[in-house]
Amino acid sequence: MTTVRVDWLESTGGGGVVIDEYRPVRLGWHCVTRFTATLPDGSVLANHALFAARPVAGGTLCENGRFVAVEGGAAGTTPCRVILHDDGSIRRSPPG
């Protein structure tokens, strides 16, 4: 899998939504993160996501994610896959 650094990223759902503050950590068999979604109109929504965690060479693969908006409303799944490397770096699979 080709990977890119996670700083901010475009939402896998498109529509001009930008994801920020995406810093997953492993907790047992899951990866969790809080993040913000900035909509094209400038609205910022707080969210959290839960992924299945799977050991891979050099770290943990976080996949099969589900997200939910903190204030309710939006919820769903994400095809985003994130690797938490043993050296502390975090990378994600490219969109598409």
N, C-alpha and C. Protein backbone atom coordinates (compact mmCIF):
# COMPACT_ATOMS: atom_id res chain seq x y z
N MET A 1 0.85 -1.17 0.00
CA MET A 1 0.00 0.00 0.00
C MET A 1 0.90 1.24 0.00
N THR A 2 0.68 2.12 -0.94
CA THR A 2 1.34 3.42 -0.95
C THR A 2 0.70 4.26 0.15
N THR A 3 1.51 5.00 0.88
CA THR A 3 0.94 5.77 1.98
C THR A 3 1.35 7.23 1.88
N VAL A 4 0.55 8.08 2.48
CA VAL A 4 0.84 9.51 2.60
C VAL A 4 0.70 9.89 4.07
N ARG A 5 1.43 10.93 4.47
CA ARG A 5 1.35 11.38 5.87
C ARG A 5 -0.03 11.90 6.20
N VAL A 6 -0.41 11.74 7.45
CA VAL A 6 -1.68 12.28 7.92
C VAL A 6 -1.42 13.61 8.62
N ASP A 7 -1.81 14.70 8.04
CA ASP A 7 -1.83 16.01 8.67
C ASP A 7 -3.28 16.46 8.58
N TRP A 8 -3.71 16.77 7.41
CA TRP A 8 -5.11 16.98 7.09
C TRP A 8 -5.36 16.18 5.83
N LEU A 9 -6.58 15.87 5.56
CA LEU A 9 -6.89 15.06 4.39
C LEU A 9 -8.29 15.37 3.90
N GLU A 10 -8.50 15.12 2.62
CA GLU A 10 -9.83 15.30 2.06
C GLU A 10 -10.69 14.12 2.49
N SER A 11 -11.93 14.38 2.81
CA SER A 11 -12.85 13.32 3.20
C SER A 11 -12.97 12.28 2.09
N THR A 12 -13.03 11.01 2.47
CA THR A 12 -13.24 9.95 1.48
C THR A 12 -14.61 10.08 0.84
N GLY A 13 -15.52 10.83 1.46
CA GLY A 13 -16.84 11.08 0.90
C GLY A 13 -16.86 12.23 -0.10
N GLY A 14 -15.72 12.95 -0.23
CA GLY A 14 -15.63 14.05 -1.19
C GLY A 14 -16.43 15.26 -0.76
N GLY A 15 -16.93 15.99 -1.72
CA GLY A 15 -17.76 17.16 -1.45
C GLY A 15 -17.02 18.35 -0.87
N GLY A 16 -15.67 18.34 -0.94
CA GLY A 16 -14.92 19.47 -0.43
C GLY A 16 -14.76 19.49 1.08
N VAL A 17 -15.12 18.41 1.76
CA VAL A 17 -14.97 18.33 3.22
C VAL A 17 -13.52 18.00 3.54
N VAL A 18 -12.94 18.77 4.48
CA VAL A 18 -11.56 18.57 4.90
C VAL A 18 -11.55 18.00 6.32
N ILE A 19 -10.78 16.94 6.50
CA ILE A 19 -10.63 16.28 7.80
C ILE A 19 -9.33 16.78 8.44
N ASP A 20 -9.41 17.13 9.73
CA ASP A 20 -8.23 17.63 10.44
C ASP A 20 -8.24 17.05 11.86
N GLU A 21 -7.10 17.22 12.55
CA GLU A 21 -6.95 16.74 13.93
C GLU A 21 -7.16 15.23 14.01
N TYR A 22 -6.75 14.52 12.98
CA TYR A 22 -6.95 13.08 12.86
C TYR A 22 -5.72 12.39 13.43
N ARG A 23 -5.81 11.91 14.66
CA ARG A 23 -4.66 11.33 15.36
C ARG A 23 -5.06 10.02 16.04
N PRO A 24 -5.19 8.95 15.27
CA PRO A 24 -5.65 7.69 15.84
C PRO A 24 -4.62 7.06 16.79
N VAL A 25 -5.12 6.36 17.78
CA VAL A 25 -4.30 5.58 18.71
C VAL A 25 -4.91 4.19 18.83
N ARG A 26 -4.06 3.22 19.15
CA ARG A 26 -4.55 1.86 19.32
C ARG A 26 -4.95 1.63 20.76
N LEU A 27 -6.13 1.05 20.94
CA LEU A 27 -6.62 0.64 22.26
C LEU A 27 -7.09 -0.81 22.11
N GLY A 28 -6.24 -1.74 22.49
CA GLY A 28 -6.59 -3.15 22.33
C GLY A 28 -6.74 -3.52 20.87
N TRP A 29 -7.91 -4.05 20.52
CA TRP A 29 -8.17 -4.49 19.15
C TRP A 29 -8.83 -3.41 18.31
N HIS A 30 -8.79 -2.15 18.79
CA HIS A 30 -9.39 -1.03 18.06
C HIS A 30 -8.42 0.13 17.94
N CYS A 31 -8.65 0.97 16.96
CA CYS A 31 -8.00 2.27 16.84
C CYS A 31 -9.12 3.30 17.00
N VAL A 32 -8.85 4.35 17.73
CA VAL A 32 -9.85 5.40 17.94
C VAL A 32 -9.21 6.76 17.67
N THR A 33 -10.03 7.71 17.25
CA THR A 33 -9.57 9.08 17.08
C THR A 33 -10.75 10.03 17.14
N ARG A 34 -10.46 11.22 17.60
CA ARG A 34 -11.38 12.35 17.42
C ARG A 34 -10.86 13.08 16.20
N PHE A 35 -11.73 13.79 15.51
CA PHE A 35 -11.30 14.59 14.38
C PHE A 35 -12.35 15.64 14.08
N THR A 36 -11.95 16.63 13.28
CA THR A 36 -12.91 17.63 12.85
C THR A 36 -13.15 17.47 11.35
N ALA A 37 -14.34 17.83 10.92
CA ALA A 37 -14.69 17.88 9.51
C ALA A 37 -15.10 19.31 9.21
N THR A 38 -14.34 19.96 8.32
CA THR A 38 -14.66 21.33 7.93
C THR A 38 -15.40 21.30 6.60
N LEU A 39 -16.62 21.79 6.62
CA LEU A 39 -17.48 21.80 5.43
C LEU A 39 -17.12 22.97 4.53
N PRO A 40 -17.50 22.90 3.26
CA PRO A 40 -17.18 23.99 2.33
C PRO A 40 -17.68 25.37 2.80
N ASP A 41 -18.75 25.40 3.61
CA ASP A 41 -19.26 26.70 4.10
C ASP A 41 -18.50 27.21 5.32
N GLY A 42 -17.47 26.46 5.76
CA GLY A 42 -16.66 26.86 6.90
C GLY A 42 -17.10 26.28 8.23
N SER A 43 -18.24 25.61 8.27
CA SER A 43 -18.70 24.96 9.51
C SER A 43 -17.72 23.86 9.91
N VAL A 44 -17.42 23.76 11.20
CA VAL A 44 -16.51 22.74 11.70
C VAL A 44 -17.31 21.82 12.63
N LEU A 45 -17.27 20.52 12.31
CA LEU A 45 -18.02 19.53 13.08
C LEU A 45 -17.05 18.60 13.80
N ALA A 46 -17.28 18.36 15.09
CA ALA A 46 -16.48 17.42 15.86
C ALA A 46 -17.03 16.01 15.67
N ASN A 47 -16.13 15.04 15.51
CA ASN A 47 -16.50 13.65 15.26
C ASN A 47 -15.56 12.72 16.02
N HIS A 48 -15.92 11.46 16.06
CA HIS A 48 -14.97 10.44 16.49
C HIS A 48 -15.16 9.20 15.62
N ALA A 49 -14.07 8.41 15.54
CA ALA A 49 -14.09 7.22 14.69
C ALA A 49 -13.51 6.04 15.45
N LEU A 50 -13.99 4.86 15.09
CA LEU A 50 -13.53 3.60 15.67
C LEU A 50 -13.19 2.66 14.52
N PHE A 51 -12.00 2.09 14.55
CA PHE A 51 -11.53 1.17 13.52
C PHE A 51 -11.17 -0.16 14.15
N ALA A 52 -11.19 -1.22 13.35
CA ALA A 52 -10.61 -2.50 13.76
C ALA A 52 -9.10 -2.37 13.65
N ALA A 53 -8.36 -2.86 14.63
CA ALA A 53 -6.89 -2.81 14.62
C ALA A 53 -6.35 -4.20 14.30
N ARG A 54 -5.37 -4.24 13.39
CA ARG A 54 -4.76 -5.51 13.00
C ARG A 54 -3.25 -5.34 12.95
N PRO A 55 -2.50 -6.23 13.63
CA PRO A 55 -1.04 -6.13 13.57
C PRO A 55 -0.54 -6.38 12.14
N VAL A 56 0.42 -5.56 11.72
CA VAL A 56 1.10 -5.73 10.44
C VAL A 56 2.58 -5.50 10.69
N ALA A 57 3.41 -5.87 9.73
CA ALA A 57 4.85 -5.67 9.88
C ALA A 57 5.14 -4.20 10.15
N GLY A 58 5.75 -3.91 11.27
CA GLY A 58 6.15 -2.54 11.59
C GLY A 58 5.10 -1.69 12.26
N GLY A 59 3.93 -2.28 12.62
CA GLY A 59 2.93 -1.46 13.28
C GLY A 59 1.55 -2.07 13.33
N THR A 60 0.54 -1.21 13.23
CA THR A 60 -0.87 -1.62 13.33
C THR A 60 -1.64 -1.00 12.18
N LEU A 61 -2.44 -1.82 11.51
CA LEU A 61 -3.33 -1.32 10.46
C LEU A 61 -4.70 -1.08 11.07
N CYS A 62 -5.21 0.13 10.90
CA CYS A 62 -6.55 0.50 11.36
C CYS A 62 -7.44 0.52 10.13
N GLU A 63 -8.48 -0.31 10.12
CA GLU A 63 -9.34 -0.43 8.94
C GLU A 63 -10.78 -0.69 9.35
N ASN A 64 -11.68 -0.71 8.37
CA ASN A 64 -13.10 -0.96 8.62
C ASN A 64 -13.67 0.03 9.64
N GLY A 65 -13.45 1.31 9.37
CA GLY A 65 -13.82 2.36 10.30
C GLY A 65 -15.28 2.78 10.25
N ARG A 66 -15.75 3.23 11.41
CA ARG A 66 -17.08 3.81 11.55
C ARG A 66 -16.90 5.15 12.27
N PHE A 67 -17.66 6.16 11.85
CA PHE A 67 -17.55 7.46 12.47
C PHE A 67 -18.93 7.94 12.90
N VAL A 68 -18.93 8.87 13.85
CA VAL A 68 -20.17 9.50 14.30
C VAL A 68 -19.87 10.93 14.71
N ALA A 69 -20.79 11.84 14.38
CA ALA A 69 -20.65 13.23 14.80
C ALA A 69 -20.93 13.32 16.29
N VAL A 70 -20.12 14.10 17.00
CA VAL A 70 -20.27 14.24 18.45
C VAL A 70 -21.65 14.79 18.80
N GLU A 71 -22.13 15.74 18.04
CA GLU A 71 -23.43 16.35 18.33
C GLU A 71 -24.59 15.65 17.62
N GLY A 72 -24.35 14.44 17.13
CA GLY A 72 -25.41 13.66 16.49
C GLY A 72 -25.60 14.03 15.03
N GLY A 73 -26.45 13.28 14.39
CA GLY A 73 -26.75 13.54 12.98
C GLY A 73 -25.96 12.66 12.05
N ALA A 74 -24.73 13.02 11.76
CA ALA A 74 -23.93 12.29 10.79
C ALA A 74 -23.30 11.05 11.42
N ALA A 75 -23.34 9.95 10.68
CA ALA A 75 -22.70 8.70 11.09
C ALA A 75 -22.52 7.86 9.84
N GLY A 76 -21.55 6.97 9.85
CA GLY A 76 -21.36 6.11 8.71
C GLY A 76 -20.07 5.33 8.78
N THR A 77 -19.66 4.82 7.65
CA THR A 77 -18.43 4.05 7.55
C THR A 77 -17.43 4.82 6.69
N THR A 78 -16.17 4.42 6.78
CA THR A 78 -15.13 5.04 5.96
C THR A 78 -14.21 3.97 5.40
N PRO A 79 -13.82 4.12 4.12
CA PRO A 79 -12.85 3.18 3.55
C PRO A 79 -11.41 3.55 3.92
N CYS A 80 -11.23 4.65 4.63
CA CYS A 80 -9.90 5.11 5.02
C CYS A 80 -9.19 4.03 5.84
N ARG A 81 -7.92 3.77 5.49
CA ARG A 81 -7.08 2.83 6.24
C ARG A 81 -5.86 3.59 6.73
N VAL A 82 -5.53 3.41 7.99
CA VAL A 82 -4.43 4.14 8.62
C VAL A 82 -3.45 3.14 9.21
N ILE A 83 -2.16 3.42 9.04
CA ILE A 83 -1.12 2.58 9.65
C ILE A 83 -0.46 3.37 10.77
N LEU A 84 -0.47 2.80 11.96
CA LEU A 84 0.26 3.36 13.11
C LEU A 84 1.58 2.61 13.17
N HIS A 85 2.66 3.25 12.74
CA HIS A 85 3.97 2.59 12.70
C HIS A 85 4.57 2.53 14.10
N ASP A 86 5.39 1.50 14.30
CA ASP A 86 6.05 1.32 15.60
C ASP A 86 6.94 2.50 15.97
N ASP A 87 7.42 3.26 14.97
CA ASP A 87 8.28 4.41 15.25
C ASP A 87 7.48 5.66 15.62
N GLY A 88 6.15 5.55 15.69
CA GLY A 88 5.31 6.66 16.08
C GLY A 88 4.70 7.43 14.92
N SER A 89 5.14 7.16 13.70
CA SER A 89 4.56 7.87 12.56
C SER A 89 3.20 7.28 12.21
N ILE A 90 2.37 8.11 11.61
CA ILE A 90 1.01 7.72 11.23
C ILE A 90 0.85 8.00 9.75
N ARG A 91 0.41 7.02 8.99
CA ARG A 91 0.21 7.19 7.56
C ARG A 91 -1.14 6.61 7.19
N ARG A 92 -1.69 7.12 6.09
CA ARG A 92 -2.98 6.60 5.62
C ARG A 92 -2.89 6.22 4.17
N SER A 93 -3.78 5.33 3.76
CA SER A 93 -3.83 4.99 2.34
C SER A 93 -4.36 6.19 1.58
N PRO A 94 -3.89 6.38 0.36
CA PRO A 94 -4.38 7.53 -0.40
C PRO A 94 -5.86 7.39 -0.74
N PRO A 95 -6.56 8.51 -0.92
CA PRO A 95 -7.97 8.44 -1.27
C PRO A 95 -8.18 7.79 -2.63
N GLY A 96 -9.38 7.22 -2.80
CA GLY A 96 -9.73 6.63 -4.08
C GLY A 96 -9.25 5.27 -4.15
